[in-house]
Amino acid sequence: NLAYMDIRFSNLCNLKCRSCGPLFSSSWFDDHVQMYGSVPHKKFLK
């Protein structure tokens, strides 16, 4: 019963906000790799 639907279909995002990260923003991915060496998932998530 999805009377209330909330599905984050992807992490595609054009911003990289300070309180966010690569899980919810694809734009964060490259910064995270440069700072920490790796990310435990793909850049673009579905």
PDB file of all heavy atoms in Angstrom:
ATOM      1  N   ASN A   1       0.855  -1.187   0.000  1.00  0.00           N
ATOM      2  CA  ASN A   1       0.000   0.000   0.000  1.00  0.00           C
ATOM      3  C   ASN A   1       0.890   1.237   0.000  1.00  0.00           C
ATOM      4  O   ASN A   1       1.299   1.716   1.054  1.00  0.00           O
ATOM      5  CB  ASN A   1      -0.911  -0.003   1.235  1.00  0.00           C
ATOM      6  CG  ASN A   1      -1.745   1.273   1.335  1.00  0.00           C
ATOM      7  OD1 ASN A   1      -2.118   1.854   0.325  1.00  0.00           O
ATOM      8  ND2 ASN A   1      -2.024   1.709   2.557  1.00  0.00           N
ATOM      9  N   LEU A   2       1.203   1.738  -1.172  1.00  0.00           N
ATOM     10  CA  LEU A   2       2.034   2.940  -1.263  1.00  0.00           C
ATOM     11  C   LEU A   2       1.142   4.175  -1.379  1.00  0.00           C
ATOM     12  O   LEU A   2       1.215   4.929  -2.352  1.00  0.00           O
ATOM     13  CB  LEU A   2       2.986   2.858  -2.456  1.00  0.00           C
ATOM     14  CG  LEU A   2       4.151   1.872  -2.358  1.00  0.00           C
ATOM     15  CD1 LEU A   2       5.092   2.049  -3.544  1.00  0.00           C
ATOM     16  CD2 LEU A   2       4.926   2.039  -1.058  1.00  0.00           C
ATOM     17  N   ALA A   3       0.283   4.372  -0.382  1.00  0.00           N
ATOM     18  CA  ALA A   3      -0.522   5.591  -0.368  1.00  0.00           C
ATOM     19  C   ALA A   3       0.395   6.810  -0.388  1.00  0.00           C
ATOM     20  O   ALA A   3       0.066   7.855  -0.955  1.00  0.00           O
ATOM     21  CB  ALA A   3      -1.412   5.612   0.872  1.00  0.00           C
ATOM     22  N   TYR A   4       1.554   6.644   0.234  1.00  0.00           N
ATOM     23  CA  TYR A   4       2.575   7.699   0.256  1.00  0.00           C
ATOM     24  C   TYR A   4       3.838   7.122  -0.374  1.00  0.00           C
ATOM     25  O   TYR A   4       4.428   6.179   0.148  1.00  0.00           O
ATOM     26  CB  TYR A   4       2.819   8.144   1.689  1.00  0.00           C
ATOM     27  CG  TYR A   4       3.912   9.166   1.884  1.00  0.00           C
ATOM     28  CD1 TYR A   4       4.181  10.148   0.929  1.00  0.00           C
ATOM     29  CD2 TYR A   4       4.671   9.166   3.046  1.00  0.00           C
ATOM     30  CE1 TYR A   4       5.178  11.081   1.128  1.00  0.00           C
ATOM     31  CE2 TYR A   4       5.668  10.111   3.271  1.00  0.00           C
ATOM     32  CZ  TYR A   4       5.922  11.055   2.307  1.00  0.00           C
ATOM     33  OH  TYR A   4       6.906  11.985   2.497  1.00  0.00           O
ATOM     34  N   MET A   5       4.237   7.645  -1.513  1.00  0.00           N
ATOM     35  CA  MET A   5       5.376   7.109  -2.262  1.00  0.00           C
ATOM     36  C   MET A   5       6.591   8.014  -2.126  1.00  0.00           C
ATOM     37  O   MET A   5       6.489   9.227  -2.292  1.00  0.00           O
ATOM     38  CB  MET A   5       5.008   6.952  -3.745  1.00  0.00           C
ATOM     39  CG  MET A   5       6.056   6.199  -4.557  1.00  0.00           C
ATOM     40  SD  MET A   5       5.552   5.949  -6.287  1.00  0.00           S
ATOM     41  CE  MET A   5       6.114   7.480  -7.034  1.00  0.00           C
ATOM     42  N   ASP A   6       7.718   7.409  -1.837  1.00  0.00           N
ATOM     43  CA  ASP A   6       8.982   8.151  -1.747  1.00  0.00           C
ATOM     44  C   ASP A   6      10.099   7.243  -2.242  1.00  0.00           C
ATOM     45  O   ASP A   6      10.663   6.461  -1.479  1.00  0.00           O
ATOM     46  CB  ASP A   6       9.235   8.607  -0.307  1.00  0.00           C
ATOM     47  CG  ASP A   6      10.579   9.293  -0.136  1.00  0.00           C
ATOM     48  OD1 ASP A   6      11.251   9.559  -1.146  1.00  0.00           O
ATOM     49  OD2 ASP A   6      10.973   9.556   1.023  1.00  0.00           O
ATOM     50  N   ILE A   7      10.391   7.339  -3.521  1.00  0.00           N
ATOM     51  CA  ILE A   7      11.426   6.515  -4.132  1.00  0.00           C
ATOM     52  C   ILE A   7      12.497   7.431  -4.716  1.00  0.00           C
ATOM     53  O   ILE A   7      12.207   8.266  -5.572  1.00  0.00           O
ATOM     54  CB  ILE A   7      10.848   5.620  -5.242  1.00  0.00           C
ATOM     55  CG1 ILE A   7       9.761   4.698  -4.664  1.00  0.00           C
ATOM     56  CG2 ILE A   7      11.957   4.793  -5.897  1.00  0.00           C
ATOM     57  CD1 ILE A   7       9.014   3.900  -5.717  1.00  0.00           C
ATOM     58  N   ARG A   8      13.720   7.285  -4.245  1.00  0.00           N
ATOM     59  CA  ARG A   8      14.833   8.055  -4.800  1.00  0.00           C
ATOM     60  C   ARG A   8      15.400   7.231  -5.961  1.00  0.00           C
ATOM     61  O   ARG A   8      16.215   6.335  -5.754  1.00  0.00           O
ATOM     62  CB  ARG A   8      15.892   8.321  -3.734  1.00  0.00           C
ATOM     63  CG  ARG A   8      15.333   8.778  -2.385  1.00  0.00           C
ATOM     64  CD  ARG A   8      14.642  10.120  -2.447  1.00  0.00           C
ATOM     65  NE  ARG A   8      13.874  10.414  -1.253  1.00  0.00           N
ATOM     66  CZ  ARG A   8      14.340  11.068  -0.187  1.00  0.00           C
ATOM     67  NH1 ARG A   8      15.587  11.474  -0.146  1.00  0.00           N
ATOM     68  NH2 ARG A   8      13.545  11.323   0.842  1.00  0.00           N
ATOM     69  N   PHE A   9      14.910   7.505  -7.164  1.00  0.00           N
ATOM     70  CA  PHE A   9      15.209   6.652  -8.302  1.00  0.00           C
ATOM     71  C   PHE A   9      16.693   6.607  -8.655  1.00  0.00           C
ATOM     72  O   PHE A   9      17.176   5.602  -9.173  1.00  0.00           O
ATOM     73  CB  PHE A   9      14.393   7.100  -9.513  1.00  0.00           C
ATOM     74  CG  PHE A   9      12.940   6.768  -9.385  1.00  0.00           C
ATOM     75  CD1 PHE A   9      12.039   7.690  -8.867  1.00  0.00           C
ATOM     76  CD2 PHE A   9      12.470   5.523  -9.759  1.00  0.00           C
ATOM     77  CE1 PHE A   9      10.692   7.377  -8.736  1.00  0.00           C
ATOM     78  CE2 PHE A   9      11.129   5.199  -9.629  1.00  0.00           C
ATOM     79  CZ  PHE A   9      10.242   6.127  -9.105  1.00  0.00           C
ATOM     80  N   SER A  10      17.403   7.676  -8.379  1.00  0.00           N
ATOM     81  CA  SER A  10      18.843   7.681  -8.655  1.00  0.00           C
ATOM     82  C   SER A  10      19.519   8.744  -7.798  1.00  0.00           C
ATOM     83  O   SER A  10      18.859   9.548  -7.137  1.00  0.00           O
ATOM     84  CB  SER A  10      19.114   7.954 -10.136  1.00  0.00           C
ATOM     85  OG  SER A  10      19.053   9.340 -10.422  1.00  0.00           O
ATOM     86  N   ASN A  11      20.847   8.725  -7.834  1.00  0.00           N
ATOM     87  CA  ASN A  11      21.611   9.743  -7.102  1.00  0.00           C
ATOM     88  C   ASN A  11      22.080  10.860  -8.022  1.00  0.00           C
ATOM     89  O   ASN A  11      22.942  11.663  -7.632  1.00  0.00           O
ATOM     90  CB  ASN A  11      22.815   9.107  -6.398  1.00  0.00           C
ATOM     91  CG  ASN A  11      23.891   8.629  -7.367  1.00  0.00           C
ATOM     92  OD1 ASN A  11      23.603   8.348  -8.540  1.00  0.00           O
ATOM     93  ND2 ASN A  11      25.122   8.512  -6.907  1.00  0.00           N
ATOM     94  N   LEU A  12      21.514  10.925  -9.225  1.00  0.00           N
ATOM     95  CA  LEU A  12      21.903  11.962 -10.174  1.00  0.00           C
ATOM     96  C   LEU A  12      21.607  13.342  -9.587  1.00  0.00           C
ATOM     97  O   LEU A  12      20.468  13.656  -9.256  1.00  0.00           O
ATOM     98  CB  LEU A  12      21.147  11.780 -11.490  1.00  0.00           C
ATOM     99  CG  LEU A  12      21.462  12.791 -12.598  1.00  0.00           C
ATOM    100  CD1 LEU A  12      22.905  12.639 -13.060  1.00  0.00           C
ATOM    101  CD2 LEU A  12      20.502  12.611 -13.779  1.00  0.00           C
ATOM    102  N   CYS A  13      22.633  14.158  -9.473  1.00  0.00           N
ATOM    103  CA  CYS A  13      22.467  15.502  -8.912  1.00  0.00           C
ATOM    104  C   CYS A  13      23.522  16.421  -9.492  1.00  0.00           C
ATOM    105  O   CYS A  13      24.667  16.013  -9.726  1.00  0.00           O
ATOM    106  CB  CYS A  13      22.578  15.464  -7.380  1.00  0.00           C
ATOM    107  SG  CYS A  13      22.164  17.055  -6.613  1.00  0.00           S
ATOM    108  N   ASN A  14      23.149  17.664  -9.711  1.00  0.00           N
ATOM    109  CA  ASN A  14      24.053  18.653 -10.277  1.00  0.00           C
ATOM    110  C   ASN A  14      24.826  19.431  -9.222  1.00  0.00           C
ATOM    111  O   ASN A  14      25.739  20.188  -9.549  1.00  0.00           O
ATOM    112  CB  ASN A  14      23.273  19.635 -11.165  1.00  0.00           C
ATOM    113  CG  ASN A  14      22.163  20.345 -10.412  1.00  0.00           C
ATOM    114  OD1 ASN A  14      21.420  19.724  -9.653  1.00  0.00           O
ATOM    115  ND2 ASN A  14      22.023  21.644 -10.613  1.00  0.00           N
ATOM    116  N   LEU A  15      24.472  19.250  -7.948  1.00  0.00           N
ATOM    117  CA  LEU A  15      25.173  19.946  -6.871  1.00  0.00           C
ATOM    118  C   LEU A  15      25.930  18.957  -5.979  1.00  0.00           C
ATOM    119  O   LEU A  15      25.662  17.759  -5.998  1.00  0.00           O
ATOM    120  CB  LEU A  15      24.192  20.735  -6.004  1.00  0.00           C
ATOM    121  CG  LEU A  15      23.300  21.782  -6.684  1.00  0.00           C
ATOM    122  CD1 LEU A  15      22.551  22.590  -5.629  1.00  0.00           C
ATOM    123  CD2 LEU A  15      24.091  22.694  -7.602  1.00  0.00           C
ATOM    124  N   LYS A  16      26.856  19.495  -5.209  1.00  0.00           N
ATOM    125  CA  LYS A  16      27.569  18.682  -4.217  1.00  0.00           C
ATOM    126  C   LYS A  16      27.599  19.463  -2.898  1.00  0.00           C
ATOM    127  O   LYS A  16      28.531  20.185  -2.597  1.00  0.00           O
ATOM    128  CB  LYS A  16      28.969  18.304  -4.698  1.00  0.00           C
ATOM    129  CG  LYS A  16      29.744  19.370  -5.444  1.00  0.00           C
ATOM    130  CD  LYS A  16      31.037  18.797  -6.009  1.00  0.00           C
ATOM    131  CE  LYS A  16      31.804  19.834  -6.818  1.00  0.00           C
ATOM    132  NZ  LYS A  16      33.059  19.278  -7.391  1.00  0.00           N
ATOM    133  N   CYS A  17      26.513  19.292  -2.158  1.00  0.00           N
ATOM    134  CA  CYS A  17      26.283  20.066  -0.940  1.00  0.00           C
ATOM    135  C   CYS A  17      27.169  19.568   0.199  1.00  0.00           C
ATOM    136  O   CYS A  17      27.484  18.379   0.287  1.00  0.00           O
ATOM    137  CB  CYS A  17      24.819  19.973  -0.539  1.00  0.00           C
ATOM    138  SG  CYS A  17      23.685  20.474  -1.865  1.00  0.00           S
ATOM    139  N   ARG A  18      27.539  20.465   1.076  1.00  0.00           N
ATOM    140  CA  ARG A  18      28.452  20.136   2.171  1.00  0.00           C
ATOM    141  C   ARG A  18      27.937  19.020   3.062  1.00  0.00           C
ATOM    142  O   ARG A  18      28.702  18.210   3.567  1.00  0.00           O
ATOM    143  CB  ARG A  18      28.718  21.389   3.012  1.00  0.00           C
ATOM    144  CG  ARG A  18      29.649  22.388   2.355  1.00  0.00           C
ATOM    145  CD  ARG A  18      31.099  21.970   2.446  1.00  0.00           C
ATOM    146  NE  ARG A  18      31.980  22.798   1.634  1.00  0.00           N
ATOM    147  CZ  ARG A  18      33.243  23.061   1.942  1.00  0.00           C
ATOM    148  NH1 ARG A  18      33.778  22.567   3.039  1.00  0.00           N
ATOM    149  NH2 ARG A  18      33.985  23.799   1.131  1.00  0.00           N
ATOM    150  N   SER A  19      26.627  18.974   3.294  1.00  0.00           N
ATOM    151  CA  SER A  19      26.075  17.974   4.208  1.00  0.00           C
ATOM    152  C   SER A  19      25.689  16.685   3.497  1.00  0.00           C
ATOM    153  O   SER A  19      25.091  15.791   4.094  1.00  0.00           O
ATOM    154  CB  SER A  19      24.851  18.550   4.926  1.00  0.00           C
ATOM    155  OG  SER A  19      23.876  18.979   3.993  1.00  0.00           O
ATOM    156  N   CYS A  20      26.033  16.563   2.206  1.00  0.00           N
ATOM    157  CA  CYS A  20      25.670  15.387   1.420  1.00  0.00           C
ATOM    158  C   CYS A  20      26.907  14.541   1.148  1.00  0.00           C
ATOM    159  O   CYS A  20      27.950  14.667   1.782  1.00  0.00           O
ATOM    160  CB  CYS A  20      24.986  15.829   0.123  1.00  0.00           C
ATOM    161  SG  CYS A  20      24.074  14.516  -0.719  1.00  0.00           S
ATOM    162  N   GLY A  21      26.802  13.621   0.189  1.00  0.00           N
ATOM    163  CA  GLY A  21      27.903  12.748  -0.168  1.00  0.00           C
ATOM    164  C   GLY A  21      27.566  11.982  -1.429  1.00  0.00           C
ATOM    165  O   GLY A  21      26.503  12.165  -2.029  1.00  0.00           O
ATOM    166  N   PRO A  22      28.449  11.077  -1.873  1.00  0.00           N
ATOM    167  CA  PRO A  22      28.268  10.406  -3.175  1.00  0.00           C
ATOM    168  C   PRO A  22      27.078   9.464  -3.245  1.00  0.00           C
ATOM    169  O   PRO A  22      26.625   9.151  -4.341  1.00  0.00           O
ATOM    170  CB  PRO A  22      29.587   9.639  -3.359  1.00  0.00           C
ATOM    171  CG  PRO A  22      30.145   9.476  -1.979  1.00  0.00           C
ATOM    172  CD  PRO A  22      29.727  10.701  -1.235  1.00  0.00           C
ATOM    173  N   LEU A  23      26.547   9.013  -2.104  1.00  0.00           N
ATOM    174  CA  LEU A  23      25.388   8.126  -2.147  1.00  0.00           C
ATOM    175  C   LEU A  23      24.161   8.842  -2.689  1.00  0.00           C
ATOM    176  O   LEU A  23      23.343   8.249  -3.391  1.00  0.00           O
ATOM    177  CB  LEU A  23      25.106   7.565  -0.748  1.00  0.00           C
ATOM    178  CG  LEU A  23      23.942   6.578  -0.627  1.00  0.00           C
ATOM    179  CD1 LEU A  23      24.193   5.337  -1.483  1.00  0.00           C
ATOM    180  CD2 LEU A  23      23.717   6.178   0.827  1.00  0.00           C
ATOM    181  N   PHE A  24      24.022  10.139  -2.374  1.00  0.00           N
ATOM    182  CA  PHE A  24      22.854  10.903  -2.811  1.00  0.00           C
ATOM    183  C   PHE A  24      23.176  11.972  -3.851  1.00  0.00           C
ATOM    184  O   PHE A  24      22.285  12.675  -4.294  1.00  0.00           O
ATOM    185  CB  PHE A  24      22.169  11.540  -1.609  1.00  0.00           C
ATOM    186  CG  PHE A  24      21.494  10.547  -0.710  1.00  0.00           C
ATOM    187  CD1 PHE A  24      22.085  10.140   0.464  1.00  0.00           C
ATOM    188  CD2 PHE A  24      20.283   9.983  -1.073  1.00  0.00           C
ATOM    189  CE1 PHE A  24      21.478   9.200   1.284  1.00  0.00           C
ATOM    190  CE2 PHE A  24      19.667   9.043  -0.260  1.00  0.00           C
ATOM    191  CZ  PHE A  24      20.258   8.653   0.916  1.00  0.00           C
ATOM    192  N   SER A  25      24.446  12.097  -4.206  1.00  0.00           N
ATOM    193  CA  SER A  25      24.819  13.063  -5.237  1.00  0.00           C
ATOM    194  C   SER A  25      25.952  12.505  -6.091  1.00  0.00           C
ATOM    195  O   SER A  25      27.083  12.338  -5.611  1.00  0.00           O
ATOM    196  CB  SER A  25      25.259  14.393  -4.620  1.00  0.00           C
ATOM    197  OG  SER A  25      25.810  15.235  -5.619  1.00  0.00           O
ATOM    198  N   SER A  26      25.643  12.257  -7.354  1.00  0.00           N
ATOM    199  CA  SER A  26      26.670  11.784  -8.282  1.00  0.00           C
ATOM    200  C   SER A  26      27.793  12.808  -8.427  1.00  0.00           C
ATOM    201  O   SER A  26      28.950  12.444  -8.677  1.00  0.00           O
ATOM    202  CB  SER A  26      26.042  11.488  -9.643  1.00  0.00           C
ATOM    203  OG  SER A  26      25.339  12.626 -10.133  1.00  0.00           O
ATOM    204  N   SER A  27      27.478  14.092  -8.264  1.00  0.00           N
ATOM    205  CA  SER A  27      28.490  15.141  -8.393  1.00  0.00           C
ATOM    206  C   SER A  27      29.536  15.078  -7.285  1.00  0.00           C
ATOM    207  O   SER A  27      30.633  15.624  -7.427  1.00  0.00           O
ATOM    208  CB  SER A  27      27.828  16.520  -8.407  1.00  0.00           C
ATOM    209  OG  SER A  27      27.043  16.688  -9.565  1.00  0.00           O
ATOM    210  N   TRP A  28      29.198  14.430  -6.177  1.00  0.00           N
ATOM    211  CA  TRP A  28      30.122  14.307  -5.048  1.00  0.00           C
ATOM    212  C   TRP A  28      31.190  13.237  -5.300  1.00  0.00           C
ATOM    213  O   TRP A  28      32.224  13.206  -4.635  1.00  0.00           O
ATOM    214  CB  TRP A  28      29.353  13.946  -3.783  1.00  0.00           C
ATOM    215  CG  TRP A  28      29.403  14.955  -2.685  1.00  0.00           C
ATOM    216  CD1 TRP A  28      28.391  15.777  -2.269  1.00  0.00           C
ATOM    217  CD2 TRP A  28      30.512  15.253  -1.833  1.00  0.00           C
ATOM    218  NE1 TRP A  28      28.796  16.567  -1.213  1.00  0.00           N
ATOM    219  CE2 TRP A  28      30.105  16.259  -0.929  1.00  0.00           C
ATOM    220  CE3 TRP A  28      31.818  14.783  -1.748  1.00  0.00           C
ATOM    221  CZ2 TRP A  28      30.947  16.795   0.045  1.00  0.00           C
ATOM    222  CZ3 TRP A  28      32.668  15.318  -0.771  1.00  0.00           C
ATOM    223  CH2 TRP A  28      32.225  16.314   0.097  1.00  0.00           C
ATOM    224  N   PHE A  29      30.928  12.333  -6.223  1.00  0.00           N
ATOM    225  CA  PHE A  29      31.741  11.129  -6.365  1.00  0.00           C
ATOM    226  C   PHE A  29      33.232  11.439  -6.555  1.00  0.00           C
ATOM    227  O   PHE A  29      34.093  10.924  -5.828  1.00  0.00           O
ATOM    228  CB  PHE A  29      31.220  10.292  -7.537  1.00  0.00           C
ATOM    229  CG  PHE A  29      31.859   8.937  -7.659  1.00  0.00           C
ATOM    230  CD1 PHE A  29      31.328   7.834  -7.019  1.00  0.00           C
ATOM    231  CD2 PHE A  29      33.011   8.762  -8.430  1.00  0.00           C
ATOM    232  CE1 PHE A  29      31.916   6.584  -7.127  1.00  0.00           C
ATOM    233  CE2 PHE A  29      33.609   7.526  -8.553  1.00  0.00           C
ATOM    234  CZ  PHE A  29      33.057   6.422  -7.898  1.00  0.00           C
ATOM    235  N   ASP A  30      33.558  12.275  -7.530  1.00  0.00           N
ATOM    236  CA  ASP A  30      34.961  12.540  -7.840  1.00  0.00           C
ATOM    237  C   ASP A  30      35.679  13.220  -6.679  1.00  0.00           C
ATOM    238  O   ASP A  30      36.850  12.912  -6.396  1.00  0.00           O
ATOM    239  CB  ASP A  30      35.074  13.392  -9.102  1.00  0.00           C
ATOM    240  CG  ASP A  30      34.615  12.643 -10.351  1.00  0.00           C
ATOM    241  OD1 ASP A  30      34.577  11.390 -10.316  1.00  0.00           O
ATOM    242  OD2 ASP A  30      34.279  13.303 -11.353  1.00  0.00           O
ATOM    243  N   ASP A  31      35.002  14.148  -5.994  1.00  0.00           N
ATOM    244  CA  ASP A  31      35.613  14.789  -4.825  1.00  0.00           C
ATOM    245  C   ASP A  31      35.919  13.761  -3.746  1.00  0.00           C
ATOM    246  O   ASP A  31      36.983  13.792  -3.114  1.00  0.00           O
ATOM    247  CB  ASP A  31      34.673  15.859  -4.253  1.00  0.00           C
ATOM    248  CG  ASP A  31      34.695  17.144  -5.054  1.00  0.00           C
ATOM    249  OD1 ASP A  31      35.352  17.178  -6.119  1.00  0.00           O
ATOM    250  OD2 ASP A  31      34.046  18.122  -4.630  1.00  0.00           O
ATOM    251  N   HIS A  32      34.985  12.865  -3.521  1.00  0.00           N
ATOM    252  CA  HIS A  32      35.164  11.846  -2.480  1.00  0.00           C
ATOM    253  C   HIS A  32      36.354  10.939  -2.808  1.00  0.00           C
ATOM    254  O   HIS A  32      37.152  10.589  -1.922  1.00  0.00           O
ATOM    255  CB  HIS A  32      33.889  11.017  -2.336  1.00  0.00           C
ATOM    256  CG  HIS A  32      33.802  10.250  -1.060  1.00  0.00           C
ATOM    257  ND1 HIS A  32      34.458   9.061  -0.867  1.00  0.00           N
ATOM    258  CD2 HIS A  32      33.143  10.498   0.102  1.00  0.00           C
ATOM    259  CE1 HIS A  32      34.198   8.595   0.346  1.00  0.00           C
ATOM    260  NE2 HIS A  32      33.408   9.450   0.952  1.00  0.00           N
ATOM    261  N   VAL A  33      36.496  10.558  -4.073  1.00  0.00           N
ATOM    262  CA  VAL A  33      37.618   9.717  -4.488  1.00  0.00           C
ATOM    263  C   VAL A  33      38.941  10.443  -4.258  1.00  0.00           C
ATOM    264  O   VAL A  33      39.915   9.862  -3.760  1.00  0.00           O
ATOM    265  CB  VAL A  33      37.465   9.311  -5.974  1.00  0.00           C
ATOM    266  CG1 VAL A  33      38.750   8.664  -6.497  1.00  0.00           C
ATOM    267  CG2 VAL A  33      36.298   8.350  -6.142  1.00  0.00           C
ATOM    268  N   GLN A  34      38.986  11.724  -4.603  1.00  0.00           N
ATOM    269  CA  GLN A  34      40.225  12.489  -4.416  1.00  0.00           C
ATOM    270  C   GLN A  34      40.585  12.635  -2.947  1.00  0.00           C
ATOM    271  O   GLN A  34      41.763  12.632  -2.576  1.00  0.00           O
ATOM    272  CB  GLN A  34      40.086  13.872  -5.056  1.00  0.00           C
ATOM    273  CG  GLN A  34      40.077  13.838  -6.579  1.00  0.00           C
ATOM    274  CD  GLN A  34      40.130  15.229  -7.177  1.00  0.00           C
ATOM    275  OE1 GLN A  34      41.076  15.990  -6.938  1.00  0.00           O
ATOM    276  NE2 GLN A  34      39.105  15.572  -7.952  1.00  0.00           N
ATOM    277  N   MET A  35      39.574  12.733  -2.086  1.00  0.00           N
ATOM    278  CA  MET A  35      39.848  12.925  -0.664  1.00  0.00           C
ATOM    279  C   MET A  35      40.160  11.623   0.066  1.00  0.00           C
ATOM    280  O   MET A  35      40.990  11.584   0.958  1.00  0.00           O
ATOM    281  CB  MET A  35      38.661  13.615   0.010  1.00  0.00           C
ATOM    282  CG  MET A  35      38.501  15.073  -0.370  1.00  0.00           C
ATOM    283  SD  MET A  35      37.280  15.935   0.653  1.00  0.00           S
ATOM    284  CE  MET A  35      35.778  15.089   0.208  1.00  0.00           C
ATOM    285  N   TYR A  36      39.475  10.549  -0.323  1.00  0.00           N
ATOM    286  CA  TYR A  36      39.571   9.311   0.455  1.00  0.00           C
ATOM    287  C   TYR A  36      40.061   8.101  -0.348  1.00  0.00           C
ATOM    288  O   TYR A  36      40.229   7.027   0.215  1.00  0.00           O
ATOM    289  CB  TYR A  36      38.216   8.981   1.085  1.00  0.00           C
ATOM    290  CG  TYR A  36      37.725  10.075   1.993  1.00  0.00           C
ATOM    291  CD1 TYR A  36      36.668  10.910   1.611  1.00  0.00           C
ATOM    292  CD2 TYR A  36      38.325  10.313   3.231  1.00  0.00           C
ATOM    293  CE1 TYR A  36      36.223  11.934   2.442  1.00  0.00           C
ATOM    294  CE2 TYR A  36      37.884  11.329   4.064  1.00  0.00           C
ATOM    295  CZ  TYR A  36      36.833  12.134   3.661  1.00  0.00           C
ATOM    296  OH  TYR A  36      36.393  13.140   4.482  1.00  0.00           O
ATOM    297  N   GLY A  37      40.265   8.281  -1.658  1.00  0.00           N
ATOM    298  CA  GLY A  37      40.855   7.206  -2.447  1.00  0.00           C
ATOM    299  C   GLY A  37      39.871   6.292  -3.139  1.00  0.00           C
ATOM    300  O   GLY A  37      40.181   5.725  -4.182  1.00  0.00           O
ATOM    301  N   SER A  38      38.686   6.128  -2.586  1.00  0.00           N
ATOM    302  CA  SER A  38      37.709   5.233  -3.206  1.00  0.00           C
ATOM    303  C   SER A  38      36.315   5.515  -2.663  1.00  0.00           C
ATOM    304  O   SER A  38      36.156   6.216  -1.654  1.00  0.00           O
ATOM    305  CB  SER A  38      38.066   3.765  -2.942  1.00  0.00           C
ATOM    306  OG  SER A  38      37.985   3.474  -1.557  1.00  0.00           O
ATOM    307  N   VAL A  39      35.328   4.959  -3.332  1.00  0.00           N
ATOM    308  CA  VAL A  39      33.930   5.005  -2.899  1.00  0.00           C
ATOM    309  C   VAL A  39      33.395   3.584  -3.037  1.00  0.00           C
ATOM    310  O   VAL A  39      33.648   2.927  -4.053  1.00  0.00           O
ATOM    311  CB  VAL A  39      33.088   5.975  -3.772  1.00  0.00           C
ATOM    312  CG1 VAL A  39      31.628   5.967  -3.336  1.00  0.00           C
ATOM    313  CG2 VAL A  39      33.645   7.385  -3.683  1.00  0.00           C
ATOM    314  N   PRO A  40      32.670   3.081  -2.038  1.00  0.00           N
ATOM    315  CA  PRO A  40      32.229   1.679  -2.089  1.00  0.00           C
ATOM    316  C   PRO A  40      31.035   1.412  -2.996  1.00  0.00           C
ATOM    317  O   PRO A  40      30.269   0.490  -2.759  1.00  0.00           O
ATOM    318  CB  PRO A  40      31.881   1.388  -0.618  1.00  0.00           C
ATOM    319  CG  PRO A  40      31.459   2.706  -0.073  1.00  0.00           C
ATOM    320  CD  PRO A  40      32.332   3.723  -0.757  1.00  0.00           C
ATOM    321  N   HIS A  41      30.858   2.230  -4.030  1.00  0.00           N
ATOM    322  CA  HIS A  41      29.769   2.003  -4.975  1.00  0.00           C
ATOM    323  C   HIS A  41      30.062   2.761  -6.264  1.00  0.00           C
ATOM    324  O   HIS A  41      31.021   3.538  -6.351  1.00  0.00           O
ATOM    325  CB  HIS A  41      28.424   2.450  -4.387  1.00  0.00           C
ATOM    326  CG  HIS A  41      28.389   3.863  -3.902  1.00  0.00           C
ATOM    327  ND1 HIS A  41      28.396   4.962  -4.752  1.00  0.00           N
ATOM    328  CD2 HIS A  41      28.344   4.380  -2.650  1.00  0.00           C
ATOM    329  CE1 HIS A  41      28.361   6.072  -4.054  1.00  0.00           C
ATOM    330  NE2 HIS A  41      28.334   5.752  -2.772  1.00  0.00           N
ATOM    331  N   LYS A  42      29.242   2.545  -7.260  1.00  0.00           N
ATOM    332  CA  LYS A  42      29.409   3.211  -8.550  1.00  0.00           C
ATOM    333  C   LYS A  42      29.090   4.703  -8.433  1.00  0.00           C
ATOM    334  O   LYS A  42      28.459   5.133  -7.475  1.00  0.00           O
ATOM    335  CB  LYS A  42      28.480   2.570  -9.584  1.00  0.00           C
ATOM    336  CG  LYS A  42      28.717   1.099  -9.841  1.00  0.00           C
ATOM    337  CD  LYS A  42      27.718   0.539 -10.849  1.00  0.00           C
ATOM    338  CE  LYS A  42      26.300   0.532 -10.308  1.00  0.00           C
ATOM    339  NZ  LYS A  42      25.344  -0.130 -11.245  1.00  0.00           N
ATOM    340  N   LYS A  43      29.517   5.457  -9.447  1.00  0.00           N
ATOM    341  CA  LYS A  43      29.228   6.892  -9.448  1.00  0.00           C
ATOM    342  C   LYS A  43      27.729   7.147  -9.598  1.00  0.00           C
ATOM    343  O   LYS A  43      27.146   7.946  -8.864  1.00  0.00           O
ATOM    344  CB  LYS A  43      29.989   7.589 -10.572  1.00  0.00           C
ATOM    345  CG  LYS A  43      29.765   9.104 -10.614  1.00  0.00           C
ATOM    346  CD  LYS A  43      30.699   9.776 -11.614  1.00  0.00           C
ATOM    347  CE  LYS A  43      30.533  11.296 -11.567  1.00  0.00           C
ATOM    348  NZ  LYS A  43      31.508  11.982 -12.451  1.00  0.00           N
ATOM    349  N   PHE A  44      27.107   6.456 -10.555  1.00  0.00           N
ATOM    350  CA  PHE A  44      25.679   6.649 -10.807  1.00  0.00           C
ATOM    351  C   PHE A  44      24.913   5.438 -10.284  1.00  0.00           C
ATOM    352  O   PHE A  44      25.163   4.306 -10.700  1.00  0.00           O
ATOM    353  CB  PHE A  44      25.417   6.850 -12.301  1.00  0.00           C
ATOM    354  CG  PHE A  44      26.038   8.104 -12.846  1.00  0.00           C
ATOM    355  CD1 PHE A  44      27.213   8.044 -13.583  1.00  0.00           C
ATOM    356  CD2 PHE A  44      25.469   9.342 -12.603  1.00  0.00           C
ATOM    357  CE1 PHE A  44      27.806   9.206 -14.076  1.00  0.00           C
ATOM    358  CE2 PHE A  44      26.054  10.506 -13.086  1.00  0.00           C
ATOM    359  CZ  PHE A  44      27.216  10.444 -13.826  1.00  0.00           C
ATOM    360  N   LEU A  45      24.006   5.700  -9.367  1.00  0.00           N
ATOM    361  CA  LEU A  45      23.242   4.634  -8.718  1.00  0.00           C
ATOM    362  C   LEU A  45      21.787   4.689  -9.145  1.00  0.00           C
ATOM    363  O   LEU A  45      21.232   5.763  -9.366  1.00  0.00           O
ATOM    364  CB  LEU A  45      23.331   4.777  -7.200  1.00  0.00           C
ATOM    365  CG  LEU A  45      24.735   4.702  -6.582  1.00  0.00           C
ATOM    366  CD1 LEU A  45      24.668   5.059  -5.110  1.00  0.00           C
ATOM    367  CD2 LEU A  45      25.340   3.316  -6.768  1.00  0.00           C
ATOM    368  N   LYS A  46      21.162   3.525  -9.239  1.00  0.00           N
ATOM    369  CA  LYS A  46      19.739   3.407  -9.523  1.00  0.00           C
ATOM    370  C   LYS A  46      19.091   2.564  -8.436  1.00  0.00           C
ATOM    371  O   LYS A  46      19.739   1.688  -7.846  1.00  0.00           O
ATOM    372  CB  LYS A  46      19.510   2.750 -10.884  1.00  0.00           C
ATOM    373  CG  LYS A  46      19.949   3.591 -12.080  1.00  0.00           C
ATOM    374  CD  LYS A  46      18.905   4.640 -12.418  1.00  0.00           C
ATOM    375  CE  LYS A  46      19.187   5.332 -13.742  1.00  0.00           C
ATOM    376  NZ  LYS A  46      18.144   6.331 -14.060  1.00  0.00           N
TER     377      LYS A  46
END
